[in-house]
């Protein structure tokens, strides 16, 4: 329901899969045309490379507010 249509199973990573401890599975916001963790060339991202901190959510609009 998020997309209104199906997500293409692009990439060469076999699904479903289990994300190991210390890694994150990333998906692009344009799911049908993104190079993301579904592509073995990128794969899952080590959490040591994830920088930043979520402070506030703005979408969906009924859940706007700070994130703890």
PDB file of N, CA and C in Angstrom:
ATOM      1  N   UNK A   1       0.812  -1.212   0.000  1.00  0.00           N
ATOM      2  CA  UNK A   1       0.000   0.000   0.000  1.00  0.00           C
ATOM      3  C   UNK A   1       0.852   1.271   0.000  1.00  0.00           C
ATOM      4  N   UNK A   2       2.095   1.187   0.458  1.00  0.00           N
ATOM      5  CA  UNK A   2       2.976   2.354   0.499  1.00  0.00           C
ATOM      6  C   UNK A   2       3.199   2.929  -0.894  1.00  0.00           C
ATOM      7  N   UNK A   3       3.415   2.071  -1.859  1.00  0.00           N
ATOM      8  CA  UNK A   3       3.727   2.525  -3.210  1.00  0.00           C
ATOM      9  C   UNK A   3       2.513   2.673  -4.106  1.00  0.00           C
ATOM     10  N   UNK A   4       1.458   1.971  -3.796  1.00  0.00           N
ATOM     11  CA  UNK A   4       0.315   1.975  -4.688  1.00  0.00           C
ATOM     12  C   UNK A   4       0.473   0.975  -5.821  1.00  0.00           C
ATOM     13  N   UNK A   5       1.684   0.444  -5.978  1.00  0.00           N
ATOM     14  CA  UNK A   5       1.959  -0.605  -6.958  1.00  0.00           C
ATOM     15  C   UNK A   5       3.059  -1.480  -6.367  1.00  0.00           C
ATOM     16  N   UNK A   6       3.302  -2.596  -6.991  1.00  0.00           N
ATOM     17  CA  UNK A   6       4.321  -3.508  -6.478  1.00  0.00           C
ATOM     18  C   UNK A   6       5.726  -2.953  -6.609  1.00  0.00           C
ATOM     19  N   UNK A   7       6.629  -3.487  -5.803  1.00  0.00           N
ATOM     20  CA  UNK A   7       8.046  -3.133  -5.899  1.00  0.00           C
ATOM     21  C   UNK A   7       8.727  -4.171  -6.770  1.00  0.00           C
ATOM     22  N   UNK A   8       9.453  -3.715  -7.786  1.00  0.00           N
ATOM     23  CA  UNK A   8      10.174  -4.640  -8.647  1.00  0.00           C
ATOM     24  C   UNK A   8      11.271  -5.317  -7.839  1.00  0.00           C
ATOM     25  N   UNK A   9      11.470  -6.587  -8.080  1.00  0.00           N
ATOM     26  CA  UNK A   9      12.544  -7.309  -7.412  1.00  0.00           C
ATOM     27  C   UNK A   9      13.812  -7.154  -8.237  1.00  0.00           C
ATOM     28  N   UNK A  10      14.331  -5.936  -8.276  1.00  0.00           N
ATOM     29  CA  UNK A  10      15.541  -5.688  -9.041  1.00  0.00           C
ATOM     30  C   UNK A  10      16.746  -6.030  -8.188  1.00  0.00           C
ATOM     31  N   UNK A  11      17.884  -6.157  -8.820  1.00  0.00           N
ATOM     32  CA  UNK A  11      19.092  -6.500  -8.095  1.00  0.00           C
ATOM     33  C   UNK A  11      19.342  -7.989  -8.154  1.00  0.00           C
ATOM     34  N   UNK A  12      20.459  -8.391  -7.557  1.00  0.00           N
ATOM     35  CA  UNK A  12      20.854  -9.787  -7.646  1.00  0.00           C
ATOM     36  C   UNK A  12      20.999 -10.437  -6.275  1.00  0.00           C
ATOM     37  N   UNK A  13      20.534  -9.766  -5.222  1.00  0.00           N
ATOM     38  CA  UNK A  13      20.570 -10.335  -3.885  1.00  0.00           C
ATOM     39  C   UNK A  13      19.356 -11.236  -3.704  1.00  0.00           C
ATOM     40  N   UNK A  14      19.577 -12.505  -3.348  1.00  0.00           N
ATOM     41  CA  UNK A  14      18.426 -13.396  -3.156  1.00  0.00           C
ATOM     42  C   UNK A  14      17.607 -12.982  -1.936  1.00  0.00           C
ATOM     43  N   UNK A  15      16.301 -12.913  -2.107  1.00  0.00           N
ATOM     44  CA  UNK A  15      15.395 -12.530  -1.031  1.00  0.00           C
ATOM     45  C   UNK A  15      14.475 -13.697  -0.724  1.00  0.00           C
ATOM     46  N   UNK A  16      13.982 -13.872   0.479  1.00  0.00           N
ATOM     47  CA  UNK A  16      14.243 -13.039   1.662  1.00  0.00           C
ATOM     48  C   UNK A  16      15.627 -13.319   2.228  1.00  0.00           C
ATOM     49  N   UNK A  17      16.080 -12.438   3.106  1.00  0.00           N
ATOM     50  CA  UNK A  17      17.383 -12.596   3.736  1.00  0.00           C
ATOM     51  C   UNK A  17      17.316 -12.103   5.171  1.00  0.00           C
ATOM     52  N   UNK A  18      18.325 -12.446   5.936  1.00  0.00           N
ATOM     53  CA  UNK A  18      18.423 -11.994   7.327  1.00  0.00           C
ATOM     54  C   UNK A  18      19.536 -10.980   7.415  1.00  0.00           C
ATOM     55  N   UNK A  19      19.254  -9.831   8.008  1.00  0.00           N
ATOM     56  CA  UNK A  19      20.255  -8.773   8.150  1.00  0.00           C
ATOM     57  C   UNK A  19      21.090  -9.090   9.392  1.00  0.00           C
ATOM     58  N   UNK A  20      22.412  -9.258   9.210  1.00  0.00           N
ATOM     59  CA  UNK A  20      23.246  -9.595  10.362  1.00  0.00           C
ATOM     60  C   UNK A  20      23.436  -8.416  11.319  1.00  0.00           C
ATOM     61  N   UNK A  21      23.787  -8.739  12.543  1.00  0.00           N
ATOM     62  CA  UNK A  21      24.088  -7.721  13.555  1.00  0.00           C
ATOM     63  C   UNK A  21      25.172  -6.793  13.025  1.00  0.00           C
ATOM     64  N   UNK A  22      25.006  -5.494  13.238  1.00  0.00           N
ATOM     65  CA  UNK A  22      26.005  -4.522  12.814  1.00  0.00           C
ATOM     66  C   UNK A  22      25.855  -4.042  11.387  1.00  0.00           C
ATOM     67  N   UNK A  23      24.821  -4.485  10.704  1.00  0.00           N
ATOM     68  CA  UNK A  23      24.567  -4.074   9.317  1.00  0.00           C
ATOM     69  C   UNK A  23      23.157  -3.511   9.216  1.00  0.00           C
ATOM     70  N   UNK A  24      22.911  -2.713   8.175  1.00  0.00           N
ATOM     71  CA  UNK A  24      21.566  -2.232   7.872  1.00  0.00           C
ATOM     72  C   UNK A  24      21.265  -2.503   6.403  1.00  0.00           C
ATOM     73  N   UNK A  25      20.010  -2.806   6.126  1.00  0.00           N
ATOM     74  CA  UNK A  25      19.530  -3.004   4.762  1.00  0.00           C
ATOM     75  C   UNK A  25      18.931  -1.684   4.323  1.00  0.00           C
ATOM     76  N   UNK A  26      19.465  -1.071   3.274  1.00  0.00           N
ATOM     77  CA  UNK A  26      18.987   0.238   2.834  1.00  0.00           C
ATOM     78  C   UNK A  26      18.213   0.098   1.528  1.00  0.00           C
ATOM     79  N   UNK A  27      17.152   0.892   1.417  1.00  0.00           N
ATOM     80  CA  UNK A  27      16.384   0.943   0.182  1.00  0.00           C
ATOM     81  C   UNK A  27      16.241   2.390  -0.242  1.00  0.00           C
ATOM     82  N   UNK A  28      16.360   2.619  -1.528  1.00  0.00           N
ATOM     83  CA  UNK A  28      16.199   3.962  -2.047  1.00  0.00           C
ATOM     84  C   UNK A  28      14.759   4.422  -1.985  1.00  0.00           C
ATOM     85  N   UNK A  29      14.574   5.732  -1.997  1.00  0.00           N
ATOM     86  CA  UNK A  29      13.214   6.261  -1.926  1.00  0.00           C
ATOM     87  C   UNK A  29      12.460   6.058  -3.238  1.00  0.00           C
ATOM     88  N   UNK A  30      13.164   5.841  -4.323  1.00  0.00           N
ATOM     89  CA  UNK A  30      12.538   5.510  -5.601  1.00  0.00           C
ATOM     90  C   UNK A  30      12.772   4.012  -5.817  1.00  0.00           C
ATOM     91  N   UNK A  31      12.032   3.199  -5.092  1.00  0.00           N
ATOM     92  CA  UNK A  31      12.326   1.775  -4.973  1.00  0.00           C
ATOM     93  C   UNK A  31      12.446   1.019  -6.281  1.00  0.00           C
ATOM     94  N   UNK A  32      11.729   1.424  -7.288  1.00  0.00           N
ATOM     95  CA  UNK A  32      11.797   0.687  -8.542  1.00  0.00           C
ATOM     96  C   UNK A  32      12.948   1.139  -9.436  1.00  0.00           C
ATOM     97  N   UNK A  33      13.685   2.149  -9.019  1.00  0.00           N
ATOM     98  CA  UNK A  33      14.806   2.637  -9.839  1.00  0.00           C
ATOM     99  C   UNK A  33      15.993   3.033  -8.971  1.00  0.00           C
ATOM    100  N   UNK A  34      16.209   2.365  -7.844  1.00  0.00           N
ATOM    101  CA  UNK A  34      17.299   2.712  -6.942  1.00  0.00           C
ATOM    102  C   UNK A  34      18.330   1.591  -6.888  1.00  0.00           C
ATOM    103  N   UNK A  35      19.591   1.973  -6.770  1.00  0.00           N
ATOM    104  CA  UNK A  35      20.640   1.012  -6.460  1.00  0.00           C
ATOM    105  C   UNK A  35      20.763   1.015  -4.951  1.00  0.00           C
ATOM    106  N   UNK A  36      20.395  -0.097  -4.334  1.00  0.00           N
ATOM    107  CA  UNK A  36      20.359  -0.160  -2.878  1.00  0.00           C
ATOM    108  C   UNK A  36      20.819  -1.539  -2.426  1.00  0.00           C
ATOM    109  N   UNK A  37      20.470  -1.952  -1.222  1.00  0.00           N
ATOM    110  CA  UNK A  37      20.959  -3.221  -0.688  1.00  0.00           C
ATOM    111  C   UNK A  37      20.470  -4.440  -1.457  1.00  0.00           C
ATOM    112  N   UNK A  38      19.528  -4.263  -2.370  1.00  0.00           N
ATOM    113  CA  UNK A  38      19.103  -5.384  -3.208  1.00  0.00           C
ATOM    114  C   UNK A  38      20.142  -5.710  -4.265  1.00  0.00           C
ATOM    115  N   UNK A  39      21.107  -4.830  -4.459  1.00  0.00           N
ATOM    116  CA  UNK A  39      22.172  -5.015  -5.447  1.00  0.00           C
ATOM    117  C   UNK A  39      23.434  -5.489  -4.725  1.00  0.00           C
ATOM    118  N   UNK A  40      23.986  -6.629  -5.140  1.00  0.00           N
ATOM    119  CA  UNK A  40      25.171  -7.173  -4.465  1.00  0.00           C
ATOM    120  C   UNK A  40      26.358  -6.218  -4.493  1.00  0.00           C
ATOM    121  N   UNK A  41      26.449  -5.347  -5.502  1.00  0.00           N
ATOM    122  CA  UNK A  41      27.559  -4.390  -5.565  1.00  0.00           C
ATOM    123  C   UNK A  41      27.552  -3.440  -4.367  1.00  0.00           C
ATOM    124  N   UNK A  42      26.369  -3.151  -3.836  1.00  0.00           N
ATOM    125  CA  UNK A  42      26.263  -2.298  -2.653  1.00  0.00           C
ATOM    126  C   UNK A  42      26.065  -3.159  -1.415  1.00  0.00           C
ATOM    127  N   UNK A  43      25.096  -4.021  -1.442  1.00  0.00           N
ATOM    128  CA  UNK A  43      24.837  -4.907  -0.310  1.00  0.00           C
ATOM    129  C   UNK A  43      24.390  -4.159   0.928  1.00  0.00           C
ATOM    130  N   UNK A  44      24.499  -4.839   2.055  1.00  0.00           N
ATOM    131  CA  UNK A  44      24.126  -4.211   3.325  1.00  0.00           C
ATOM    132  C   UNK A  44      25.250  -3.293   3.786  1.00  0.00           C
ATOM    133  N   UNK A  45      24.888  -2.273   4.530  1.00  0.00           N
ATOM    134  CA  UNK A  45      25.838  -1.245   4.945  1.00  0.00           C
ATOM    135  C   UNK A  45      26.220  -1.470   6.402  1.00  0.00           C
ATOM    136  N   UNK A  46      27.524  -1.429   6.666  1.00  0.00           N
ATOM    137  CA  UNK A  46      28.024  -1.558   8.037  1.00  0.00           C
ATOM    138  C   UNK A  46      27.591  -0.336   8.836  1.00  0.00           C
ATOM    139  N   UNK A  47      27.096  -0.553  10.046  1.00  0.00           N
ATOM    140  CA  UNK A  47      26.602   0.561  10.857  1.00  0.00           C
ATOM    141  C   UNK A  47      27.685   1.585  11.169  1.00  0.00           C
ATOM    142  N   UNK A  48      28.951   1.210  11.053  1.00  0.00           N
ATOM    143  CA  UNK A  48      30.033   2.189  11.274  1.00  0.00           C
ATOM    144  C   UNK A  48      30.036   3.293  10.222  1.00  0.00           C
ATOM    145  N   UNK A  49      29.396   3.039   9.083  1.00  0.00           N
ATOM    146  CA  UNK A  49      29.333   4.029   8.012  1.00  0.00           C
ATOM    147  C   UNK A  49      28.057   4.859   8.045  1.00  0.00           C
ATOM    148  N   UNK A  50      27.190   4.586   8.993  1.00  0.00           N
ATOM    149  CA  UNK A  50      25.942   5.332   9.119  1.00  0.00           C
ATOM    150  C   UNK A  50      26.189   6.484  10.080  1.00  0.00           C
ATOM    151  N   UNK A  51      26.063   7.702   9.576  1.00  0.00           N
ATOM    152  CA  UNK A  51      26.275   8.871  10.423  1.00  0.00           C
ATOM    153  C   UNK A  51      25.001   9.695  10.446  1.00  0.00           C
ATOM    154  N   UNK A  52      24.839  10.440  11.492  1.00  0.00           N
ATOM    155  CA  UNK A  52      23.649  11.258  11.615  1.00  0.00           C
ATOM    156  C   UNK A  52      22.776  10.753  12.740  1.00  0.00           C
ATOM    157  N   UNK A  53      21.788  11.516  13.077  1.00  0.00           N
ATOM    158  CA  UNK A  53      20.887  11.174  14.155  1.00  0.00           C
ATOM    159  C   UNK A  53      19.498  11.703  13.819  1.00  0.00           C
ATOM    160  N   UNK A  54      18.507  10.862  13.983  1.00  0.00           N
ATOM    161  CA  UNK A  54      17.124  11.274  13.733  1.00  0.00           C
ATOM    162  C   UNK A  54      16.663  12.109  14.917  1.00  0.00           C
ATOM    163  N   UNK A  55      16.192  13.296  14.637  1.00  0.00           N
ATOM    164  CA  UNK A  55      15.686  14.177  15.686  1.00  0.00           C
ATOM    165  C   UNK A  55      14.184  14.380  15.595  1.00  0.00           C
ATOM    166  N   UNK A  56      13.667  14.380  14.359  1.00  0.00           N
ATOM    167  CA  UNK A  56      12.262  14.707  14.176  1.00  0.00           C
ATOM    168  C   UNK A  56      11.702  13.954  12.978  1.00  0.00           C
ATOM    169  N   UNK A  57      10.462  13.546  13.091  1.00  0.00           N
ATOM    170  CA  UNK A  57       9.748  12.902  11.994  1.00  0.00           C
ATOM    171  C   UNK A  57       8.744  13.917  11.457  1.00  0.00           C
ATOM    172  N   UNK A  58       8.691  14.035  10.133  1.00  0.00           N
ATOM    173  CA  UNK A  58       7.730  14.974   9.546  1.00  0.00           C
ATOM    174  C   UNK A  58       6.676  14.273   8.699  1.00  0.00           C
ATOM    175  N   UNK A  59       6.859  12.972   8.472  1.00  0.00           N
ATOM    176  CA  UNK A  59       5.881  12.230   7.682  1.00  0.00           C
ATOM    177  C   UNK A  59       5.759  10.835   8.239  1.00  0.00           C
ATOM    178  N   UNK A  60       4.617  10.271   8.351  1.00  0.00           N
ATOM    179  CA  UNK A  60       3.322  10.805   7.968  1.00  0.00           C
ATOM    180  C   UNK A  60       2.892  11.967   8.848  1.00  0.00           C
ATOM    181  N   UNK A  61       2.083  12.833   8.292  1.00  0.00           N
ATOM    182  CA  UNK A  61       1.725  14.067   8.966  1.00  0.00           C
ATOM    183  C   UNK A  61       1.072  13.853  10.317  1.00  0.00           C
ATOM    184  N   UNK A  62       0.356  12.763  10.495  1.00  0.00           N
ATOM    185  CA  UNK A  62      -0.283  12.531  11.794  1.00  0.00           C
ATOM    186  C   UNK A  62       0.702  12.048  12.861  1.00  0.00           C
ATOM    187  N   UNK A  63       1.979  11.887  12.492  1.00  0.00           N
ATOM    188  CA  UNK A  63       2.997  11.474  13.449  1.00  0.00           C
ATOM    189  C   UNK A  63       4.152  12.473  13.542  1.00  0.00           C
ATOM    190  N   UNK A  64       3.923  13.723  13.158  1.00  0.00           N
ATOM    191  CA  UNK A  64       4.961  14.753  13.260  1.00  0.00           C
ATOM    192  C   UNK A  64       5.372  14.899  14.716  1.00  0.00           C
ATOM    193  N   UNK A  65       6.662  15.010  14.927  1.00  0.00           N
ATOM    194  CA  UNK A  65       7.142  15.244  16.287  1.00  0.00           C
ATOM    195  C   UNK A  65       8.562  14.749  16.464  1.00  0.00           C
ATOM    196  N   UNK A  66       9.088  14.922  17.660  1.00  0.00           N
ATOM    197  CA  UNK A  66      10.439  14.508  17.960  1.00  0.00           C
ATOM    198  C   UNK A  66      10.503  12.980  18.098  1.00  0.00           C
ATOM    199  N   UNK A  67      11.683  12.454  17.871  1.00  0.00           N
ATOM    200  CA  UNK A  67      11.918  11.013  17.956  1.00  0.00           C
ATOM    201  C   UNK A  67      12.898  10.779  19.085  1.00  0.00           C
ATOM    202  N   UNK A  68      12.531   9.894  20.004  1.00  0.00           N
ATOM    203  CA  UNK A  68      13.454   9.610  21.121  1.00  0.00           C
ATOM    204  C   UNK A  68      14.230   8.336  20.874  1.00  0.00           C
TER     205      UNK A  68
END
